[in-house]
Protein backbone atom coordinates (compact mmCIF):
# COMPACT_ATOMS: atom_id res chain seq x y z
CA ASN A 1 237.42 86.06 160.19
CA THR A 2 233.90 86.09 158.85
CA ALA A 3 232.18 89.39 159.60
CA SER A 4 229.55 91.10 157.48
CA VAL A 5 229.05 94.23 155.44
CA ALA A 6 227.37 95.30 158.72
CA GLY A 7 230.89 95.28 160.17
CA LEU A 8 231.84 98.03 157.74
CA CYS A 9 228.62 100.07 157.51
CA ALA A 10 226.03 100.28 160.26
CA GLY A 11 222.35 100.16 159.47
CA PRO A 12 219.11 100.68 161.38
CA GLY A 13 217.45 97.85 163.24
CA LEU A 14 220.69 95.88 163.53
CA THR A 15 222.43 97.59 166.45
CA ALA A 16 223.73 94.52 168.29
CA TYR A 17 224.56 92.69 165.05
CA CYS A 18 226.50 95.68 163.68
CA ALA A 19 228.37 96.13 166.95
CA SER A 20 229.47 92.49 166.98
CA LYS A 21 230.51 92.57 163.31
CA PHE A 22 232.43 95.86 163.74
CA ALA A 23 234.22 94.07 166.61
CA VAL A 24 235.18 91.18 164.30
CA VAL A 25 236.60 93.58 161.68
CA GLY A 26 238.46 95.56 164.36
CA LEU A 27 239.87 92.37 165.86
CA GLY A 28 241.07 91.29 162.42
CA GLU A 29 242.73 94.65 161.71
CA SER A 30 244.46 94.65 165.12
CA LEU A 31 245.68 91.07 164.78
CA ARG A 32 246.88 91.81 161.26
CA ALA A 33 248.98 94.73 162.55
CA GLU A 34 250.36 92.71 165.47
CA LEU A 35 251.25 89.65 163.38
CA LYS A 36 252.61 91.34 160.26
CA GLY A 37 256.22 91.08 161.47
CA ARG A 38 255.76 87.33 161.89
CA ASN A 39 254.53 86.90 158.30
CA ILE A 40 251.03 85.93 159.45
CA GLY A 41 248.08 87.43 157.58
CA VAL A 42 244.58 88.04 158.85
CA SER A 43 241.59 88.55 156.57
CA SER A 44 238.09 89.74 157.49
CA ILE A 45 235.43 88.59 155.04
CA CYS A 46 232.37 90.87 154.69
CA PRO A 47 229.93 88.99 152.44
CA GLY A 48 226.85 91.16 151.81
CA ILE A 49 223.58 89.64 150.61
CA ILE A 50 224.13 85.87 150.56
CA ASN A 51 221.46 83.23 150.09
CA THR A 52 221.51 81.71 153.57
CA ARG A 53 219.01 81.47 156.43
CA ILE A 54 220.37 84.59 158.12
CA VAL A 55 217.23 86.65 157.53
CA ASP A 56 214.97 83.73 158.49
CA ASP A 57 216.79 83.27 161.78
CA ALA A 58 217.70 86.90 162.59
CA ARG A 59 216.02 89.16 165.09
CA ILE A 60 215.53 92.26 162.99
CA ASN A 61 213.61 95.10 164.58
CA ILE A 62 211.13 95.82 161.77
CA LYS A 63 208.17 97.92 162.79
CA PRO A 64 204.70 96.48 162.05
CA GLY A 65 203.27 97.95 158.85
CA ALA A 66 206.70 98.89 157.45
CA ALA A 67 207.22 98.66 153.68
CA ALA A 68 209.59 95.71 154.22
CA ASN A 69 208.92 92.72 156.44
CA SER A 70 210.63 89.45 157.31
CA GLU A 71 208.93 87.57 154.47
CA SER A 72 209.86 90.14 151.82
CA LEU A 73 213.47 90.21 153.06
CA THR A 74 213.63 86.41 152.95
CA ARG A 75 212.31 86.40 149.36
CA PHE A 76 214.80 89.13 148.42
CA TYR A 77 217.76 87.19 149.86
CA ARG A 78 216.69 84.00 148.07
CA ARG A 79 216.18 85.80 144.75
CA ARG A 80 219.15 88.18 144.85
CA GLY A 81 221.62 86.56 147.22
CA TRP A 82 224.88 85.08 146.08
CA SER A 83 225.66 81.50 146.99
CA PRO A 84 227.73 80.62 150.07
CA ASP A 85 230.19 78.99 147.61
CA ARG A 86 231.07 82.43 146.23
CA VAL A 87 231.87 83.63 149.73
CA ALA A 88 234.04 80.57 150.32
CA ARG A 89 235.96 81.22 147.09
CA ALA A 90 236.44 84.87 148.08
CA ALA A 91 237.73 83.80 151.50
CA VAL A 92 240.26 81.38 150.02
CA LYS A 93 241.43 84.03 147.55
CA ALA A 94 241.73 86.61 150.36
CA VAL A 95 243.90 84.30 152.44
CA ARG A 96 246.09 83.36 149.47
CA LYS A 97 246.58 87.04 148.55
CA ASN A 98 246.79 88.19 152.17
CA ARG A 99 243.99 90.74 151.81
CA SER A 100 242.81 92.55 154.92
CA VAL A 101 239.15 93.57 154.59
CA VAL A 102 237.23 91.75 151.87
CA PRO A 103 233.76 92.87 150.79
CA VAL A 104 232.32 90.09 148.62
CA ALA A 105 228.99 90.83 146.92
CA PRO A 106 228.53 93.97 144.79
CA GLU A 107 226.37 95.73 147.40
CA ALA A 108 229.04 95.08 150.04
CA TRP A 109 231.63 96.76 147.82
CA LEU A 110 229.27 99.62 147.05
CA MET A 111 228.35 100.26 150.67
CA TRP A 112 231.99 100.07 151.79
CA LEU A 113 233.14 102.47 149.06
CA VAL A 114 230.30 104.93 149.68
CA LYS A 115 231.16 105.07 153.38
CA ARG A 116 234.88 105.44 152.69
CA PHE A 117 234.37 108.30 150.27
CA SER A 118 231.21 109.99 151.60
CA GLN A 119 230.03 109.72 155.18
CA ARG A 120 227.05 111.88 154.21
CA GLY A 121 226.18 109.44 151.42
CA HIS A 122 226.34 106.56 153.85
CA ASP A 123 224.24 108.42 156.42
CA LEU A 124 221.60 109.16 153.77
CA SER A 125 221.46 105.54 152.58
CA ALA A 126 221.16 104.30 156.21
CA TYR A 127 218.36 106.82 156.82
CA LEU A 128 216.47 105.72 153.69
CA LEU A 129 216.88 102.04 154.61
CA GLY A 130 215.64 102.85 158.10
CA ARG A 131 212.55 104.52 156.69
CA ARG A 132 211.84 101.41 154.62
CA LEU A 133 212.30 99.01 157.52
CA MET A 134 211.11 101.08 160.46
CA GLU A 135 208.22 103.21 159.23
CA PRO A 136 204.81 102.30 157.75
């Protein structure tokens, strides 16, 4: 399954997207548990910042005058984003090694680990991101 880091850690302005990606991760975890006795693995890939058109095509609720905007996010994804090939390699490796939840890019790993070890840390980072995207 291809989900998103937004399927592991919710963020502001992405409510519907996060809900659908959490559903993908939950589906994968449930199927994995159900199929384990049949020697069938299920992996959920959670890429992170990848250089695709996702930001160009997404409906992100960014308030007018906010520090970030659609153009700056697009530039950031193009400059910083990993290639889709890296995600594909991570997916193949996950299936071969029968890994369950697979963050790919460094920020995906970081966000997932922060949430797993510190809900307060995650809440603070989501709040700060929200201020950047939602407030002038």
